Amino acid sequence: MELTSIRAVMVDTNLNIVSEQNLSSYISIEESTVVEKVDKTNPAANNPTLGLKLTAKADARKKTHPLKKAKKEEDAK
């Protein structure tokens, strides 16, 4: 689905249109591009950490307080 037109209206208490403005000229219509080949299999943008690293304090806390397993994993055992 693609947005092709948009308009803004002001209505009164009886829901009659008092003023309207066509904003369709602000929509840029671009054709989609299909990528045939992707060079990087694991781009940095696809990494949830976005290249950030834990501080020494956070890393130590992660080791002393590990995350609890999900309930589904516990039930499966």
N, C-alpha and C. Protein backbone atom coordinates (compact mmCIF):
# COMPACT_ATOMS: atom_id res chain seq x y z
N MET A 1 0.86 -1.17 0.00
CA MET A 1 0.00 0.00 0.00
C MET A 1 0.90 1.23 0.00
N GLU A 2 0.50 2.23 -0.73
CA GLU A 2 1.30 3.43 -0.85
C GLU A 2 0.42 4.65 -0.67
N LEU A 3 0.92 5.62 0.06
CA LEU A 3 0.20 6.87 0.29
C LEU A 3 0.30 7.71 -0.98
N THR A 4 -0.85 8.08 -1.54
CA THR A 4 -0.84 8.84 -2.79
C THR A 4 -1.40 10.24 -2.63
N SER A 5 -2.24 10.47 -1.62
CA SER A 5 -2.77 11.81 -1.40
C SER A 5 -3.11 11.98 0.07
N ILE A 6 -3.09 13.24 0.48
CA ILE A 6 -3.43 13.55 1.87
C ILE A 6 -3.98 14.97 1.92
N ARG A 7 -4.96 15.17 2.78
CA ARG A 7 -5.50 16.52 2.96
C ARG A 7 -5.82 16.72 4.43
N ALA A 8 -5.72 17.96 4.86
CA ALA A 8 -6.03 18.31 6.24
C ALA A 8 -7.29 19.17 6.23
N VAL A 9 -8.17 18.92 7.18
CA VAL A 9 -9.41 19.70 7.26
C VAL A 9 -9.61 20.20 8.68
N MET A 10 -10.27 21.34 8.80
CA MET A 10 -10.72 21.86 10.09
C MET A 10 -12.24 21.80 10.06
N VAL A 11 -12.82 21.26 11.13
CA VAL A 11 -14.27 21.14 11.19
C VAL A 11 -14.81 21.95 12.35
N ASP A 12 -16.09 22.33 12.25
CA ASP A 12 -16.73 23.03 13.35
C ASP A 12 -17.43 22.01 14.25
N THR A 13 -18.19 22.49 15.21
CA THR A 13 -18.85 21.59 16.17
C THR A 13 -19.89 20.70 15.51
N ASN A 14 -20.40 21.09 14.35
CA ASN A 14 -21.37 20.27 13.62
C ASN A 14 -20.69 19.35 12.59
N LEU A 15 -19.37 19.27 12.66
CA LEU A 15 -18.55 18.48 11.75
C LEU A 15 -18.66 18.92 10.30
N ASN A 16 -18.94 20.20 10.09
CA ASN A 16 -18.90 20.78 8.75
C ASN A 16 -17.47 21.24 8.48
N ILE A 17 -16.99 21.02 7.27
CA ILE A 17 -15.63 21.42 6.93
C ILE A 17 -15.57 22.94 6.81
N VAL A 18 -14.72 23.54 7.63
CA VAL A 18 -14.55 24.98 7.64
C VAL A 18 -13.38 25.38 6.74
N SER A 19 -12.32 24.59 6.79
CA SER A 19 -11.13 24.88 6.00
C SER A 19 -10.48 23.55 5.62
N GLU A 20 -9.87 23.53 4.45
CA GLU A 20 -9.17 22.31 4.05
C GLU A 20 -7.93 22.68 3.26
N GLN A 21 -6.95 21.80 3.31
CA GLN A 21 -5.70 22.03 2.60
C GLN A 21 -5.22 20.71 2.03
N ASN A 22 -4.85 20.73 0.76
CA ASN A 22 -4.33 19.53 0.10
C ASN A 22 -2.82 19.48 0.33
N LEU A 23 -2.34 18.41 0.92
CA LEU A 23 -0.92 18.26 1.23
C LEU A 23 -0.25 17.22 0.33
N SER A 24 -0.90 16.84 -0.74
CA SER A 24 -0.38 15.80 -1.62
C SER A 24 0.94 16.18 -2.28
N SER A 25 1.18 17.46 -2.47
CA SER A 25 2.41 17.88 -3.13
C SER A 25 3.64 17.60 -2.27
N TYR A 26 3.46 17.35 -0.97
CA TYR A 26 4.57 17.07 -0.08
C TYR A 26 4.95 15.58 -0.05
N ILE A 27 4.19 14.75 -0.73
CA ILE A 27 4.49 13.32 -0.78
C ILE A 27 5.45 13.08 -1.93
N SER A 28 6.60 12.53 -1.61
CA SER A 28 7.54 12.21 -2.68
C SER A 28 7.28 10.78 -3.13
N ILE A 29 7.07 10.63 -4.41
CA ILE A 29 6.79 9.31 -4.97
C ILE A 29 8.10 8.75 -5.49
N GLU A 30 8.52 7.66 -4.88
CA GLU A 30 9.76 7.02 -5.28
C GLU A 30 9.46 5.58 -5.66
N GLU A 31 10.14 5.12 -6.67
CA GLU A 31 9.98 3.73 -7.05
C GLU A 31 10.87 2.88 -6.16
N SER A 32 10.36 1.72 -5.80
CA SER A 32 11.15 0.85 -4.93
C SER A 32 12.29 0.22 -5.72
N THR A 33 13.33 -0.10 -5.00
CA THR A 33 14.50 -0.71 -5.60
C THR A 33 14.64 -2.13 -5.07
N VAL A 34 14.82 -3.06 -5.95
CA VAL A 34 15.02 -4.46 -5.56
C VAL A 34 16.51 -4.75 -5.61
N VAL A 35 17.05 -5.20 -4.50
CA VAL A 35 18.47 -5.50 -4.42
C VAL A 35 18.69 -6.95 -4.84
N GLU A 36 19.54 -7.14 -5.81
CA GLU A 36 19.81 -8.49 -6.30
C GLU A 36 20.79 -9.23 -5.41
N LYS A 37 21.79 -8.53 -4.86
CA LYS A 37 22.83 -9.19 -4.09
C LYS A 37 23.23 -8.29 -2.92
N VAL A 38 23.42 -8.90 -1.77
CA VAL A 38 23.86 -8.17 -0.59
C VAL A 38 25.28 -8.63 -0.28
N ASP A 39 26.21 -7.67 -0.19
CA ASP A 39 27.61 -8.03 0.05
C ASP A 39 27.86 -8.45 1.49
N LYS A 40 27.37 -7.67 2.44
CA LYS A 40 27.60 -7.98 3.85
C LYS A 40 26.47 -8.86 4.37
N THR A 41 26.83 -9.99 4.94
CA THR A 41 25.80 -10.88 5.47
C THR A 41 25.35 -10.47 6.86
N ASN A 42 26.18 -9.73 7.60
CA ASN A 42 25.83 -9.31 8.95
C ASN A 42 26.19 -7.84 9.13
N PRO A 43 25.40 -6.93 8.56
CA PRO A 43 25.74 -5.51 8.68
C PRO A 43 25.60 -5.02 10.12
N ALA A 44 26.34 -3.97 10.45
CA ALA A 44 26.31 -3.42 11.81
C ALA A 44 24.92 -2.91 12.17
N ALA A 45 24.16 -2.44 11.20
CA ALA A 45 22.81 -1.93 11.49
C ALA A 45 21.87 -3.04 11.91
N ASN A 46 22.19 -4.29 11.58
CA ASN A 46 21.35 -5.42 11.94
C ASN A 46 21.72 -5.98 13.32
N ASN A 47 22.72 -5.40 13.95
CA ASN A 47 23.17 -5.84 15.26
C ASN A 47 22.40 -5.08 16.33
N PRO A 48 21.71 -5.77 17.24
CA PRO A 48 20.90 -5.07 18.23
C PRO A 48 21.71 -4.18 19.17
N THR A 49 23.00 -4.44 19.32
CA THR A 49 23.82 -3.60 20.20
C THR A 49 24.30 -2.35 19.48
N LEU A 50 24.18 -2.34 18.17
CA LEU A 50 24.62 -1.21 17.33
C LEU A 50 26.08 -0.85 17.59
N GLY A 51 26.91 -1.86 17.88
CA GLY A 51 28.33 -1.63 18.08
C GLY A 51 28.69 -1.13 19.47
N LEU A 52 27.71 -1.02 20.36
CA LEU A 52 28.00 -0.55 21.72
C LEU A 52 28.51 -1.70 22.56
N LYS A 53 29.34 -1.38 23.53
CA LYS A 53 29.88 -2.40 24.42
C LYS A 53 29.52 -2.06 25.85
N LEU A 54 29.46 -3.08 26.70
CA LEU A 54 29.16 -2.88 28.11
C LEU A 54 30.35 -2.27 28.82
N THR A 55 30.08 -1.48 29.85
CA THR A 55 31.16 -0.98 30.69
C THR A 55 31.68 -2.13 31.53
N ALA A 56 32.83 -1.94 32.15
CA ALA A 56 33.42 -3.00 32.98
C ALA A 56 32.47 -3.36 34.11
N LYS A 57 31.83 -2.35 34.71
CA LYS A 57 30.90 -2.60 35.82
C LYS A 57 29.70 -3.43 35.34
N ALA A 58 29.15 -3.07 34.19
CA ALA A 58 27.99 -3.79 33.66
C ALA A 58 28.37 -5.22 33.27
N ASP A 59 29.57 -5.38 32.72
CA ASP A 59 30.02 -6.71 32.34
C ASP A 59 30.20 -7.60 33.57
N ALA A 60 30.75 -7.04 34.65
CA ALA A 60 30.92 -7.80 35.89
C ALA A 60 29.56 -8.18 36.47
N ARG A 61 28.61 -7.26 36.43
CA ARG A 61 27.27 -7.54 36.95
C ARG A 61 26.58 -8.63 36.13
N LYS A 62 26.82 -8.62 34.84
CA LYS A 62 26.22 -9.63 33.97
C LYS A 62 26.73 -11.03 34.35
N LYS A 63 28.00 -11.11 34.76
CA LYS A 63 28.57 -12.40 35.14
C LYS A 63 28.07 -12.86 36.51
N THR A 64 27.87 -11.92 37.44
CA THR A 64 27.44 -12.31 38.79
C THR A 64 25.93 -12.46 38.89
N HIS A 65 25.18 -11.82 38.01
CA HIS A 65 23.71 -11.90 38.02
C HIS A 65 23.22 -12.30 36.64
N PRO A 66 23.36 -13.57 36.26
CA PRO A 66 22.94 -13.98 34.91
C PRO A 66 21.42 -13.86 34.75
N LEU A 67 21.00 -13.70 33.52
CA LEU A 67 19.57 -13.60 33.22
C LEU A 67 18.88 -14.92 33.53
N LYS A 68 17.66 -14.82 34.02
CA LYS A 68 16.87 -16.02 34.27
C LYS A 68 16.38 -16.56 32.94
N LYS A 69 16.27 -17.88 32.86
CA LYS A 69 15.79 -18.50 31.63
C LYS A 69 14.31 -18.20 31.45
N ALA A 70 13.89 -18.17 30.23
CA ALA A 70 12.48 -17.90 29.92
C ALA A 70 11.62 -19.02 30.49
N LYS A 71 10.40 -18.70 30.83
CA LYS A 71 9.49 -19.66 31.44
C LYS A 71 9.24 -20.85 30.52
N LYS A 72 9.14 -20.62 29.22
CA LYS A 72 8.90 -21.70 28.27
C LYS A 72 10.05 -22.71 28.28
N GLU A 73 11.29 -22.21 28.41
CA GLU A 73 12.44 -23.10 28.46
C GLU A 73 12.42 -23.94 29.73
N GLU A 74 12.02 -23.34 30.85
CA GLU A 74 11.96 -24.06 32.12
C GLU A 74 10.87 -25.13 32.07
N ASP A 75 9.74 -24.82 31.45
CA ASP A 75 8.63 -25.77 31.36
C ASP A 75 8.98 -26.95 30.46
N ALA A 76 9.83 -26.71 29.48
CA ALA A 76 10.20 -27.76 28.53
C ALA A 76 11.08 -28.83 29.18
N LYS A 77 11.76 -28.47 30.26
CA LYS A 77 12.68 -29.43 30.92
C LYS A 77 11.96 -30.43 31.73
